[in-house]
Amino acid sequence: SFEEDFKFMTETLGYDGVELFRKGRFRPATFWKKDRVELVCPAQHKDRTMLTTFRLNDCDESDSQDNWHVLNCHLQAGKQGGRRVRQIFEGVTTAYKTAKKLKEETPEDMKLIVCGDFNGGSECGAVELVEKGMVDQDFIEDGEQVSSKAKKLPLSAPLNDAIDMDREDDNPVPSTLVVPELISIMIDQGNIETAYMEPQFSQQVLDRLTRIYKRFAKDSPGMQMTKADVEDWLTLINGRVGRGTEFRNAAKYMGWKEPPTDPDEKKEDRPPIVIPDDGVLTFSDFVAVYLDELRQGKFWGIAWDLAKLDEPLDVDEVFQSRYDRMYCSASLQPTVVLD
């Protein structure tokens, strides 16, 4: 559980305040020490961003400009450059509107920290928006516009890269993602444009998926994966049935349909996703489950599954990038960066 995994934050480091993003499966959390700061207003949960606004406990409460705004994010992965731009723009705009609501004299110069997983390197539109202060319709990411018109942050100046400010050496900023390079061996490179825009698996991945499928379906009628076979597969890769996008997509391919819902109904009150008793997962649907993962950029998740299923990929190269980032507004100056 979240509480068990992060209890060291309270028990060891003394962070007794926490706000956990309440939407979706990828949930950033912001921790603070209550004897140092207090929340000025309730946290605001947007599209994969969460804004918390604080005030130092020892500051003059009449000084409205002494609020600190922290935008914690986990932006959408995969070929979703436009959505990542919208997520950051919405989050920073929410911070600006909050500063105005709190009657800060110059909300465009608010104390703002933007941090988290951008799910993209320096080439992505979200980073361009933060570092340049704007992005327009001419910016292309993954072969597509990230915005149909110019978007400009409501700030007096672009945000500064807190990790790369005033560095005393010429060494590159450390990568936050150092992983096996999988794209060249996982994606069919036959047609470069298709490989990029609508990727398909390479033959070596398809061969592995074929062997895995046959192993699970070998004792079932018609050599198709039944509910029991699918549950065995999901338990191996995810620890249990009921978690992961592989489970959700497999259930849909096997015939599960989401029942009509009342818009006022709470998510936790909705019927759970289940694998139909008489459903089967064909080989093409089994591959489709993993293609869904591939097109969301979950290369390393697929590699994990293959290795867990005794079909590891032969990887020689390493991929490095900086997806996790921290920015601050011009009104803030970092004093130290700990790596």
C-alpha atoms as a PDB file:
ATOM      1  CA  SER A   1       0.000   0.000   0.000  1.00  0.00           C
ATOM      2  CA  PHE A   2       0.989   3.640  -0.350  1.00  0.00           C
ATOM      3  CA  GLU A   3       1.057   4.037   3.431  1.00  0.00           C
ATOM      4  CA  GLU A   4       3.340   1.037   3.890  1.00  0.00           C
ATOM      5  CA  ASP A   5       5.675   1.912   1.009  1.00  0.00           C
ATOM      6  CA  PHE A   6       6.148   5.514   2.120  1.00  0.00           C
ATOM      7  CA  LYS A   7       6.009   5.242   5.896  1.00  0.00           C
ATOM      8  CA  PHE A   8       9.727   6.079   5.957  1.00  0.00           C
ATOM      9  CA  MET A   9       8.801   9.611   4.891  1.00  0.00           C
ATOM     10  CA  THR A  10       7.041  10.103   8.228  1.00  0.00           C
ATOM     11  CA  GLU A  11       8.863   7.730  10.550  1.00  0.00           C
ATOM     12  CA  THR A  12      12.413   8.424   9.343  1.00  0.00           C
ATOM     13  CA  LEU A  13      12.335  11.824   7.650  1.00  0.00           C
ATOM     14  CA  GLY A  14       9.605  13.522   9.657  1.00  0.00           C
ATOM     15  CA  TYR A  15       7.251  14.559   6.840  1.00  0.00           C
ATOM     16  CA  ASP A  16       3.897  14.397   8.617  1.00  0.00           C
ATOM     17  CA  GLY A  17       1.819  16.151   5.948  1.00  0.00           C
ATOM     18  CA  VAL A  18       0.928  14.458   2.660  1.00  0.00           C
ATOM     19  CA  GLU A  19      -1.408  14.953  -0.282  1.00  0.00           C
ATOM     20  CA  LEU A  20      -1.825  12.067  -2.727  1.00  0.00           C
ATOM     21  CA  PHE A  21      -3.171  12.647  -6.236  1.00  0.00           C
ATOM     22  CA  ARG A  22      -6.653  11.172  -6.176  1.00  0.00           C
ATOM     23  CA  LYS A  23      -7.308  10.560  -9.885  1.00  0.00           C
ATOM     24  CA  GLY A  24      -6.186   7.680 -12.099  1.00  0.00           C
ATOM     25  CA  ARG A  25      -3.519   5.051 -11.564  1.00  0.00           C
ATOM     26  CA  PHE A  26      -0.394   7.260 -11.676  1.00  0.00           C
ATOM     27  CA  ARG A  27      -0.557   9.348  -8.541  1.00  0.00           C
ATOM     28  CA  PRO A  28       2.159  11.778  -7.481  1.00  0.00           C
ATOM     29  CA  ALA A  29       2.355  12.684  -3.798  1.00  0.00           C
ATOM     30  CA  THR A  30       3.575  15.866  -2.108  1.00  0.00           C
ATOM     31  CA  PHE A  31       4.945  15.652   1.440  1.00  0.00           C
ATOM     32  CA  TRP A  32       5.604  18.505   3.891  1.00  0.00           C
ATOM     33  CA  LYS A  33       6.460  19.160   7.535  1.00  0.00           C
ATOM     34  CA  LYS A  34       3.568  20.720   9.407  1.00  0.00           C
ATOM     35  CA  ASP A  35       5.842  22.601  11.817  1.00  0.00           C
ATOM     36  CA  ARG A  36       7.400  24.414   8.846  1.00  0.00           C
ATOM     37  CA  VAL A  37       4.541  25.095   6.447  1.00  0.00           C
ATOM     38  CA  GLU A  38       0.757  25.013   6.290  1.00  0.00           C
ATOM     39  CA  LEU A  39      -1.638  24.502   3.405  1.00  0.00           C
ATOM     40  CA  VAL A  40      -3.235  27.793   2.381  1.00  0.00           C
ATOM     41  CA  CYS A  41      -6.093  26.149   0.481  1.00  0.00           C
ATOM     42  CA  PRO A  42      -7.203  22.634  -0.459  1.00  0.00           C
ATOM     43  CA  ALA A  43      -5.071  20.796  -3.018  1.00  0.00           C
ATOM     44  CA  GLN A  44      -6.301  21.034  -6.609  1.00  0.00           C
ATOM     45  CA  HIS A  45      -6.314  17.870  -8.723  1.00  0.00           C
ATOM     46  CA  LYS A  46      -6.249  18.355 -12.499  1.00  0.00           C
ATOM     47  CA  ASP A  47      -5.289  16.152 -15.471  1.00  0.00           C
ATOM     48  CA  ARG A  48      -2.313  14.296 -13.974  1.00  0.00           C
ATOM     49  CA  THR A  49      -1.131  17.385 -12.091  1.00  0.00           C
ATOM     50  CA  MET A  50      -1.700  18.313  -8.453  1.00  0.00           C
ATOM     51  CA  LEU A  51      -1.306  21.830  -7.054  1.00  0.00           C
ATOM     52  CA  THR A  52      -0.599  22.456  -3.377  1.00  0.00           C
ATOM     53  CA  THR A  53      -0.157  25.991  -2.026  1.00  0.00           C
ATOM     54  CA  PHE A  54       1.755  26.606   1.202  1.00  0.00           C
ATOM     55  CA  ARG A  55       2.761  29.413   3.532  1.00  0.00           C
ATOM     56  CA  LEU A  56       5.718  29.330   5.904  1.00  0.00           C
ATOM     57  CA  ASN A  57       4.532  29.147   9.490  1.00  0.00           C
ATOM     58  CA  ASP A  58       6.859  31.946  10.613  1.00  0.00           C
ATOM     59  CA  CYS A  59       5.898  34.419   7.882  1.00  0.00           C
ATOM     60  CA  ASP A  60       3.671  37.462   8.180  1.00  0.00           C
ATOM     61  CA  GLU A  61       0.152  36.292   7.274  1.00  0.00           C
ATOM     62  CA  SER A  62      -0.588  39.699   5.782  1.00  0.00           C
ATOM     63  CA  ASP A  63       2.123  39.123   3.152  1.00  0.00           C
ATOM     64  CA  SER A  64       0.077  37.466   0.398  1.00  0.00           C
ATOM     65  CA  GLN A  65       3.120  37.243  -1.864  1.00  0.00           C
ATOM     66  CA  ASP A  66       4.767  34.752   0.483  1.00  0.00           C
ATOM     67  CA  ASN A  67       2.701  31.804  -0.748  1.00  0.00           C
ATOM     68  CA  TRP A  68       4.542  28.865  -2.297  1.00  0.00           C
ATOM     69  CA  HIS A  69       2.816  26.959  -5.120  1.00  0.00           C
ATOM     70  CA  VAL A  70       3.973  23.388  -5.874  1.00  0.00           C
ATOM     71  CA  LEU A  71       2.721  21.744  -9.068  1.00  0.00           C
ATOM     72  CA  ASN A  72       3.485  18.018  -8.888  1.00  0.00           C
ATOM     73  CA  CYS A  73       2.921  16.100 -12.108  1.00  0.00           C
ATOM     74  CA  HIS A  74       3.088  12.742 -13.808  1.00  0.00           C
ATOM     75  CA  LEU A  75       2.360  13.632 -17.425  1.00  0.00           C
ATOM     76  CA  GLN A  76       0.813  11.252 -19.939  1.00  0.00           C
ATOM     77  CA  ALA A  77       3.259   8.788 -21.479  1.00  0.00           C
ATOM     78  CA  GLY A  78       3.533   7.666 -25.085  1.00  0.00           C
ATOM     79  CA  LYS A  79       2.618   9.503 -28.271  1.00  0.00           C
ATOM     80  CA  GLN A  80       0.623  12.160 -26.421  1.00  0.00           C
ATOM     81  CA  GLY A  81       2.672  15.356 -26.852  1.00  0.00           C
ATOM     82  CA  GLY A  82      -0.399  17.558 -27.180  1.00  0.00           C
ATOM     83  CA  ARG A  83      -1.945  16.241 -24.004  1.00  0.00           C
ATOM     84  CA  ARG A  84       1.302  16.748 -22.058  1.00  0.00           C
ATOM     85  CA  VAL A  85       1.351  20.393 -23.196  1.00  0.00           C
ATOM     86  CA  ARG A  86      -2.277  20.838 -22.117  1.00  0.00           C
ATOM     87  CA  GLN A  87      -1.560  19.223 -18.756  1.00  0.00           C
ATOM     88  CA  ILE A  88       1.296  21.605 -17.937  1.00  0.00           C
ATOM     89  CA  PHE A  89      -0.563  24.638 -19.279  1.00  0.00           C
ATOM     90  CA  GLU A  90      -3.641  23.796 -17.209  1.00  0.00           C
ATOM     91  CA  GLY A  91      -1.565  23.212 -14.084  1.00  0.00           C
ATOM     92  CA  VAL A  92       0.426  26.461 -14.290  1.00  0.00           C
ATOM     93  CA  THR A  93      -2.730  28.416 -15.182  1.00  0.00           C
ATOM     94  CA  THR A  94      -4.434  26.938 -12.109  1.00  0.00           C
ATOM     95  CA  ALA A  95      -1.515  28.119  -9.967  1.00  0.00           C
ATOM     96  CA  TYR A  96      -1.815  31.617 -11.469  1.00  0.00           C
ATOM     97  CA  LYS A  97      -5.565  31.750 -10.817  1.00  0.00           C
ATOM     98  CA  THR A  98      -4.968  30.567  -7.260  1.00  0.00           C
ATOM     99  CA  ALA A  99      -2.394  33.319  -6.707  1.00  0.00           C
ATOM    100  CA  LYS A 100      -4.928  35.886  -7.948  1.00  0.00           C
ATOM    101  CA  LYS A 101      -7.642  34.448  -5.725  1.00  0.00           C
ATOM    102  CA  LEU A 102      -5.298  34.722  -2.738  1.00  0.00           C
ATOM    103  CA  LYS A 103      -4.793  38.375  -3.678  1.00  0.00           C
ATOM    104  CA  GLU A 104      -1.096  38.134  -4.416  1.00  0.00           C
ATOM    105  CA  GLU A 105       0.038  41.535  -5.697  1.00  0.00           C
ATOM    106  CA  THR A 106       1.907  40.138  -8.709  1.00  0.00           C
ATOM    107  CA  PRO A 107       0.587  36.627  -9.428  1.00  0.00           C
ATOM    108  CA  GLU A 108       2.659  36.486 -12.603  1.00  0.00           C
ATOM    109  CA  ASP A 109       5.722  36.532 -10.302  1.00  0.00           C
ATOM    110  CA  MET A 110       4.431  33.938  -7.832  1.00  0.00           C
ATOM    111  CA  LYS A 111       6.745  31.481  -6.091  1.00  0.00           C
ATOM    112  CA  LEU A 112       6.122  28.387  -8.225  1.00  0.00           C
ATOM    113  CA  ILE A 113       7.782  24.981  -8.360  1.00  0.00           C
ATOM    114  CA  VAL A 114       6.877  22.562 -11.170  1.00  0.00           C
ATOM    115  CA  CYS A 115       8.244  19.068 -10.703  1.00  0.00           C
ATOM    116  CA  GLY A 116       7.662  15.435 -11.569  1.00  0.00           C
ATOM    117  CA  ASP A 117       7.753  12.964 -14.429  1.00  0.00           C
ATOM    118  CA  PHE A 118       7.388  14.763 -17.780  1.00  0.00           C
ATOM    119  CA  ASN A 119       7.537  11.474 -19.712  1.00  0.00           C
ATOM    120  CA  GLY A 120       9.679  13.175 -22.333  1.00  0.00           C
ATOM    121  CA  GLY A 121      13.120  14.637 -22.845  1.00  0.00           C
ATOM    122  CA  SER A 122      14.282  18.054 -23.977  1.00  0.00           C
ATOM    123  CA  GLU A 123      12.631  17.513 -27.368  1.00  0.00           C
ATOM    124  CA  CYS A 124       9.068  17.409 -26.035  1.00  0.00           C
ATOM    125  CA  GLY A 125       6.508  20.198 -26.179  1.00  0.00           C
ATOM    126  CA  ALA A 126       5.849  20.246 -22.440  1.00  0.00           C
ATOM    127  CA  VAL A 127       9.510  21.042 -21.764  1.00  0.00           C
ATOM    128  CA  GLU A 128       9.465  23.671 -24.519  1.00  0.00           C
ATOM    129  CA  LEU A 129       6.433  25.335 -22.927  1.00  0.00           C
ATOM    130  CA  VAL A 130       8.048  25.445 -19.489  1.00  0.00           C
ATOM    131  CA  GLU A 131      11.521  26.547 -20.590  1.00  0.00           C
ATOM    132  CA  LYS A 132      10.479  29.048 -23.270  1.00  0.00           C
ATOM    133  CA  GLY A 133       7.235  30.180 -21.671  1.00  0.00           C
ATOM    134  CA  MET A 134       5.238  29.387 -24.793  1.00  0.00           C
ATOM    135  CA  VAL A 135       4.705  26.872 -27.548  1.00  0.00           C
ATOM    136  CA  ASP A 136       2.915  27.421 -30.851  1.00  0.00           C
ATOM    137  CA  GLN A 137       1.366  25.503 -33.706  1.00  0.00           C
ATOM    138  CA  ASP A 138       4.721  25.090 -35.442  1.00  0.00           C
ATOM    139  CA  PHE A 139       6.160  22.882 -32.697  1.00  0.00           C
ATOM    140  CA  ILE A 140       6.119  19.239 -33.790  1.00  0.00           C
ATOM    141  CA  GLU A 141       6.477  16.223 -31.505  1.00  0.00           C
ATOM    142  CA  ASP A 142       6.167  12.641 -32.699  1.00  0.00           C
ATOM    143  CA  GLY A 143       5.229  13.988 -36.140  1.00  0.00           C
ATOM    144  CA  GLU A 144       2.241  15.986 -34.885  1.00  0.00           C
ATOM    145  CA  GLN A 145       1.399  19.480 -33.687  1.00  0.00           C
ATOM    146  CA  VAL A 146       1.259  19.760 -29.918  1.00  0.00           C
ATOM    147  CA  SER A 147      -1.102  22.733 -30.113  1.00  0.00           C
ATOM    148  CA  SER A 148      -3.433  24.191 -32.734  1.00  0.00           C
ATOM    149  CA  LYS A 149      -2.543  27.707 -31.584  1.00  0.00           C
ATOM    150  CA  ALA A 150       0.055  29.486 -29.466  1.00  0.00           C
ATOM    151  CA  LYS A 151      -0.044  28.772 -25.750  1.00  0.00           C
ATOM    152  CA  LYS A 152       1.731  31.177 -23.384  1.00  0.00           C
ATOM    153  CA  LEU A 153       2.198  30.648 -19.669  1.00  0.00           C
ATOM    154  CA  PRO A 154       0.683  33.438 -17.525  1.00  0.00           C
ATOM    155  CA  LEU A 155       4.074  34.247 -15.992  1.00  0.00           C
ATOM    156  CA  SER A 156       6.413  37.223 -16.284  1.00  0.00           C
ATOM    157  CA  ALA A 157       9.252  34.931 -17.378  1.00  0.00           C
ATOM    158  CA  PRO A 158       9.770  31.275 -18.329  1.00  0.00           C
ATOM    159  CA  LEU A 159      10.500  28.790 -15.573  1.00  0.00           C
ATOM    160  CA  ASN A 160      14.111  27.947 -14.767  1.00  0.00           C
ATOM    161  CA  ASP A 161      15.557  24.448 -14.747  1.00  0.00           C
ATOM    162  CA  ALA A 162      16.435  24.148 -11.047  1.00  0.00           C
ATOM    163  CA  ILE A 163      18.841  21.260 -11.667  1.00  0.00           C
ATOM    164  CA  ASP A 164      20.774  23.088 -14.387  1.00  0.00           C
ATOM    165  CA  MET A 165      20.969  26.606 -12.887  1.00  0.00           C
ATOM    166  CA  ASP A 166      24.340  28.130 -12.025  1.00  0.00           C
ATOM    167  CA  ARG A 167      26.238  24.866 -12.380  1.00  0.00           C
ATOM    168  CA  GLU A 168      29.894  25.125 -11.466  1.00  0.00           C
ATOM    169  CA  ASP A 169      31.024  22.436 -13.907  1.00  0.00           C
ATOM    170  CA  ASP A 170      30.448  21.507 -17.522  1.00  0.00           C
ATOM    171  CA  ASN A 171      29.202  18.013 -16.810  1.00  0.00           C
ATOM    172  CA  PRO A 172      25.798  17.148 -18.282  1.00  0.00           C
ATOM    173  CA  VAL A 173      22.798  17.060 -15.984  1.00  0.00           C
ATOM    174  CA  PRO A 174      22.451  13.477 -14.702  1.00  0.00           C
ATOM    175  CA  SER A 175      19.913  11.251 -16.439  1.00  0.00           C
ATOM    176  CA  THR A 176      16.941  10.132 -14.372  1.00  0.00           C
ATOM    177  CA  LEU A 177      16.169   7.203 -16.684  1.00  0.00           C
ATOM    178  CA  VAL A 178      18.953   4.697 -17.415  1.00  0.00           C
ATOM    179  CA  VAL A 179      17.387   1.569 -18.884  1.00  0.00           C
ATOM    180  CA  PRO A 180      17.886  -1.037 -21.621  1.00  0.00           C
ATOM    181  CA  GLU A 181      17.431   0.382 -25.136  1.00  0.00           C
ATOM    182  CA  LEU A 182      14.439  -1.568 -26.391  1.00  0.00           C
ATOM    183  CA  ILE A 183      12.875   0.341 -29.271  1.00  0.00           C
ATOM    184  CA  SER A 184      15.295  -0.874 -31.937  1.00  0.00           C
ATOM    185  CA  ILE A 185      14.720  -4.538 -31.071  1.00  0.00           C
ATOM    186  CA  MET A 186      11.063  -4.375 -30.063  1.00  0.00           C
ATOM    187  CA  ILE A 187       9.562  -2.431 -32.981  1.00  0.00           C
ATOM    188  CA  ASP A 188       9.460  -3.554 -36.611  1.00  0.00           C
ATOM    189  CA  GLN A 189      11.755  -1.137 -38.457  1.00  0.00           C
ATOM    190  CA  GLY A 190      10.574  -2.144 -41.943  1.00  0.00           C
ATOM    191  CA  ASN A 191       8.722   1.111 -42.616  1.00  0.00           C
ATOM    192  CA  ILE A 192      10.208   4.029 -40.699  1.00  0.00           C
ATOM    193  CA  GLU A 193       7.067   6.203 -40.827  1.00  0.00           C
ATOM    194  CA  THR A 194       4.780   3.338 -39.812  1.00  0.00           C
ATOM    195  CA  ALA A 195       7.219   2.249 -37.109  1.00  0.00           C
ATOM    196  CA  TYR A 196       7.001   5.703 -35.595  1.00  0.00           C
ATOM    197  CA  MET A 197       3.341   6.556 -36.032  1.00  0.00           C
ATOM    198  CA  GLU A 198       1.704   3.111 -35.751  1.00  0.00           C
ATOM    199  CA  PRO A 199       4.328   0.739 -34.344  1.00  0.00           C
ATOM    200  CA  GLN A 200       4.166  -3.015 -34.820  1.00  0.00           C
ATOM    201  CA  PHE A 201       6.201  -5.673 -33.043  1.00  0.00           C
ATOM    202  CA  SER A 202       9.426  -7.003 -34.489  1.00  0.00           C
ATOM    203  CA  GLN A 203       9.538 -10.649 -35.488  1.00  0.00           C
ATOM    204  CA  GLN A 204      11.600 -11.610 -32.450  1.00  0.00           C
ATOM    205  CA  VAL A 205       8.937 -10.203 -30.115  1.00  0.00           C
ATOM    206  CA  LEU A 206       6.144 -11.899 -32.073  1.00  0.00           C
ATOM    207  CA  ASP A 207       8.043 -15.197 -31.872  1.00  0.00           C
ATOM    208  CA  ARG A 208       8.273 -14.841 -28.099  1.00  0.00           C
ATOM    209  CA  LEU A 209       4.591 -13.945 -27.761  1.00  0.00           C
ATOM    210  CA  THR A 210       3.690 -16.962 -29.918  1.00  0.00           C
ATOM    211  CA  ARG A 211       5.626 -19.345 -27.680  1.00  0.00           C
ATOM    212  CA  ILE A 212       4.141 -17.789 -24.532  1.00  0.00           C
ATOM    213  CA  TYR A 213       0.586 -18.030 -25.867  1.00  0.00           C
ATOM    214  CA  LYS A 214       0.984 -21.663 -26.885  1.00  0.00           C
ATOM    215  CA  ARG A 215       2.378 -22.504 -23.464  1.00  0.00           C
ATOM    216  CA  PHE A 216      -0.691 -21.170 -21.668  1.00  0.00           C
ATOM    217  CA  ALA A 217      -3.251 -22.441 -24.205  1.00  0.00           C
ATOM    218  CA  LYS A 218      -1.771 -25.909 -24.814  1.00  0.00           C
ATOM    219  CA  ASP A 219      -4.252 -27.769 -22.604  1.00  0.00           C
ATOM    220  CA  SER A 220      -7.333 -25.776 -23.614  1.00  0.00           C
ATOM    221  CA  PRO A 221      -9.856 -26.605 -26.354  1.00  0.00           C
ATOM    222  CA  GLY A 222      -8.929 -25.165 -29.716  1.00  0.00           C
ATOM    223  CA  MET A 223      -5.554 -23.954 -28.372  1.00  0.00           C
ATOM    224  CA  GLN A 224      -7.131 -20.707 -27.128  1.00  0.00           C
ATOM    225  CA  MET A 225      -6.536 -19.102 -23.756  1.00  0.00           C
ATOM    226  CA  THR A 226      -9.505 -19.611 -21.444  1.00  0.00           C
ATOM    227  CA  LYS A 227     -10.332 -17.646 -18.291  1.00  0.00           C
ATOM    228  CA  ALA A 228      -8.128 -19.987 -16.224  1.00  0.00           C
ATOM    229  CA  ASP A 229      -5.222 -19.600 -18.682  1.00  0.00           C
ATOM    230  CA  VAL A 230      -5.534 -15.814 -18.669  1.00  0.00           C
ATOM    231  CA  GLU A 231      -5.624 -15.730 -14.874  1.00  0.00           C
ATOM    232  CA  ASP A 232      -2.438 -17.847 -14.729  1.00  0.00           C
ATOM    233  CA  TRP A 233      -0.717 -15.446 -17.154  1.00  0.00           C
ATOM    234  CA  LEU A 234      -1.859 -12.322 -15.275  1.00  0.00           C
ATOM    235  CA  THR A 235      -0.801 -13.754 -11.928  1.00  0.00           C
ATOM    236  CA  LEU A 236       2.695 -14.365 -13.244  1.00  0.00           C
ATOM    237  CA  ILE A 237       3.206 -10.882 -14.683  1.00  0.00           C
ATOM    238  CA  ASN A 238       1.253  -8.741 -12.199  1.00  0.00           C
ATOM    239  CA  GLY A 239       1.253 -10.765  -8.995  1.00  0.00           C
ATOM    240  CA  ARG A 240      -2.525 -11.166  -8.989  1.00  0.00           C
ATOM    241  CA  VAL A 241      -5.602 -10.909 -11.199  1.00  0.00           C
ATOM    242  CA  GLY A 242      -7.304  -7.514 -11.213  1.00  0.00           C
ATOM    243  CA  ARG A 243      -4.426  -5.108 -11.667  1.00  0.00           C
ATOM    244  CA  GLY A 244      -2.618  -3.672 -14.675  1.00  0.00           C
ATOM    245  CA  THR A 245      -3.723  -2.562 -18.125  1.00  0.00           C
ATOM    246  CA  GLU A 246      -3.058  -6.092 -19.417  1.00  0.00           C
ATOM    247  CA  PHE A 247      -5.905  -7.295 -17.180  1.00  0.00           C
ATOM    248  CA  ARG A 248      -8.295  -4.514 -18.168  1.00  0.00           C
ATOM    249  CA  ASN A 249      -7.680  -4.894 -21.903  1.00  0.00           C
ATOM    250  CA  ALA A 250      -7.745  -8.687 -21.829  1.00  0.00           C
ATOM    251  CA  ALA A 251     -11.123  -8.601 -20.062  1.00  0.00           C
ATOM    252  CA  LYS A 252     -12.517  -6.330 -22.769  1.00  0.00           C
ATOM    253  CA  TYR A 253     -11.169  -8.496 -25.592  1.00  0.00           C
ATOM    254  CA  MET A 254     -12.770 -11.506 -23.882  1.00  0.00           C
ATOM    255  CA  GLY A 255     -16.205  -9.884 -23.889  1.00  0.00           C
ATOM    256  CA  TRP A 256     -16.470  -7.785 -20.715  1.00  0.00           C
ATOM    257  CA  LYS A 257     -18.480  -4.643 -21.320  1.00  0.00           C
ATOM    258  CA  GLU A 258     -18.702  -1.688 -18.998  1.00  0.00           C
ATOM    259  CA  PRO A 259     -22.306  -1.349 -17.783  1.00  0.00           C
ATOM    260  CA  PRO A 260     -24.135   1.980 -18.114  1.00  0.00           C
ATOM    261  CA  THR A 261     -23.224   4.249 -15.222  1.00  0.00           C
ATOM    262  CA  ASP A 262     -24.893   7.077 -13.421  1.00  0.00           C
ATOM    263  CA  PRO A 263     -22.766  10.245 -13.826  1.00  0.00           C
ATOM    264  CA  ASP A 264     -23.330  10.943 -10.122  1.00  0.00           C
ATOM    265  CA  GLU A 265     -22.153   7.471  -9.128  1.00  0.00           C
ATOM    266  CA  LYS A 266     -18.819   7.292  -7.326  1.00  0.00           C
ATOM    267  CA  LYS A 267     -16.095   5.350  -9.104  1.00  0.00           C
ATOM    268  CA  GLU A 268     -15.653   2.975  -6.159  1.00  0.00           C
ATOM    269  CA  ASP A 269     -19.360   2.078  -6.361  1.00  0.00           C
ATOM    270  CA  ARG A 270     -19.187   0.962  -9.985  1.00  0.00           C
ATOM    271  CA  PRO A 271     -19.159  -2.776 -10.811  1.00  0.00           C
ATOM    272  CA  PRO A 272     -15.608  -4.130 -11.044  1.00  0.00           C
ATOM    273  CA  ILE A 273     -14.022  -5.315 -14.267  1.00  0.00           C
ATOM    274  CA  VAL A 274     -14.198  -9.113 -14.489  1.00  0.00           C
ATOM    275  CA  ILE A 275     -13.027 -11.765 -16.927  1.00  0.00           C
ATOM    276  CA  PRO A 276     -16.121 -13.486 -18.396  1.00  0.00           C
ATOM    277  CA  ASP A 277     -16.383 -17.146 -17.374  1.00  0.00           C
ATOM    278  CA  ASP A 278     -16.920 -18.300 -20.962  1.00  0.00           C
ATOM    279  CA  GLY A 279     -14.543 -15.800 -22.573  1.00  0.00           C
ATOM    280  CA  VAL A 280     -11.498 -16.733 -24.620  1.00  0.00           C
ATOM    281  CA  LEU A 281      -8.444 -14.680 -25.519  1.00  0.00           C
ATOM    282  CA  THR A 282      -7.395 -15.395 -29.101  1.00  0.00           C
ATOM    283  CA  PHE A 283      -3.778 -15.104 -30.155  1.00  0.00           C
ATOM    284  CA  SER A 284      -4.467 -11.938 -32.145  1.00  0.00           C
ATOM    285  CA  ASP A 285      -6.136 -10.392 -29.090  1.00  0.00           C
ATOM    286  CA  PHE A 286      -3.223 -11.498 -26.895  1.00  0.00           C
ATOM    287  CA  VAL A 287      -0.862  -9.632 -29.236  1.00  0.00           C
ATOM    288  CA  ALA A 288      -3.275  -6.686 -29.282  1.00  0.00           C
ATOM    289  CA  VAL A 289      -3.071  -6.438 -25.481  1.00  0.00           C
ATOM    290  CA  TYR A 290       0.670  -5.930 -25.788  1.00  0.00           C
ATOM    291  CA  LEU A 291       0.342  -3.606 -28.778  1.00  0.00           C
ATOM    292  CA  ASP A 292      -1.799  -1.387 -26.562  1.00  0.00           C
ATOM    293  CA  GLU A 293       1.085  -1.360 -24.070  1.00  0.00           C
ATOM    294  CA  LEU A 294       3.599  -0.613 -26.833  1.00  0.00           C
ATOM    295  CA  ARG A 295       1.641   2.369 -28.174  1.00  0.00           C
ATOM    296  CA  GLN A 296       1.470   3.849 -24.687  1.00  0.00           C
ATOM    297  CA  GLY A 297       5.260   3.801 -24.521  1.00  0.00           C
ATOM    298  CA  LYS A 298       5.443   0.960 -21.988  1.00  0.00           C
ATOM    299  CA  PHE A 299       8.520  -0.649 -23.543  1.00  0.00           C
ATOM    300  CA  TRP A 300      10.082  -1.622 -20.238  1.00  0.00           C
ATOM    301  CA  GLY A 301       6.815  -3.040 -18.942  1.00  0.00           C
ATOM    302  CA  ILE A 302       6.637  -5.351 -21.953  1.00  0.00           C
ATOM    303  CA  ALA A 303      10.270  -6.352 -21.456  1.00  0.00           C
ATOM    304  CA  TRP A 304       9.499  -7.139 -17.799  1.00  0.00           C
ATOM    305  CA  ASP A 305       6.584  -9.363 -18.817  1.00  0.00           C
ATOM    306  CA  LEU A 306       8.670 -11.217 -21.392  1.00  0.00           C
ATOM    307  CA  ALA A 307      11.447 -11.849 -18.878  1.00  0.00           C
ATOM    308  CA  LYS A 308       8.943 -12.941 -16.215  1.00  0.00           C
ATOM    309  CA  LEU A 309       7.515 -15.390 -18.759  1.00  0.00           C
ATOM    310  CA  ASP A 310      10.981 -16.852 -19.491  1.00  0.00           C
ATOM    311  CA  GLU A 311      11.303 -15.107 -22.859  1.00  0.00           C
ATOM    312  CA  PRO A 312      13.752 -12.242 -22.125  1.00  0.00           C
ATOM    313  CA  LEU A 313      14.962  -9.977 -24.904  1.00  0.00           C
ATOM    314  CA  ASP A 314      18.644  -9.878 -25.785  1.00  0.00           C
ATOM    315  CA  VAL A 315      19.602  -6.277 -25.001  1.00  0.00           C
ATOM    316  CA  ASP A 316      23.050  -4.758 -25.596  1.00  0.00           C
ATOM    317  CA  GLU A 317      22.485  -0.980 -25.618  1.00  0.00           C
ATOM    318  CA  VAL A 318      21.477   1.483 -22.896  1.00  0.00           C
ATOM    319  CA  PHE A 319      18.941   4.317 -23.177  1.00  0.00           C
ATOM    320  CA  GLN A 320      19.483   7.435 -21.041  1.00  0.00           C
ATOM    321  CA  SER A 321      17.293  10.489 -20.693  1.00  0.00           C
ATOM    322  CA  ARG A 322      15.995  12.996 -18.150  1.00  0.00           C
ATOM    323  CA  TYR A 323      12.243  12.552 -17.805  1.00  0.00           C
ATOM    324  CA  ASP A 324      12.019  13.632 -14.161  1.00  0.00           C
ATOM    325  CA  ARG A 325      12.438  17.402 -13.871  1.00  0.00           C
ATOM    326  CA  MET A 326      12.179  20.304 -11.447  1.00  0.00           C
ATOM    327  CA  TYR A 327      11.571  23.916 -12.428  1.00  0.00           C
ATOM    328  CA  CYS A 328      11.141  27.109 -10.439  1.00  0.00           C
ATOM    329  CA  SER A 329       9.830  30.555 -11.259  1.00  0.00           C
ATOM    330  CA  ALA A 330      12.125  33.559 -11.603  1.00  0.00           C
ATOM    331  CA  SER A 331      11.209  34.687  -8.085  1.00  0.00           C
ATOM    332  CA  LEU A 332      13.008  31.661  -6.609  1.00  0.00           C
ATOM    333  CA  GLN A 333      16.706  30.839  -6.481  1.00  0.00           C
ATOM    334  CA  PRO A 334      17.899  27.302  -5.592  1.00  0.00           C
ATOM    335  CA  THR A 335      20.733  27.270  -3.064  1.00  0.00           C
ATOM    336  CA  VAL A 336      21.795  23.644  -3.415  1.00  0.00           C
ATOM    337  CA  VAL A 337      20.943  20.605  -5.515  1.00  0.00           C
ATOM    338  CA  LEU A 338      21.434  17.167  -4.003  1.00  0.00           C
ATOM    339  CA  ASP A 339      21.848  14.314  -6.499  1.00  0.00           C
END
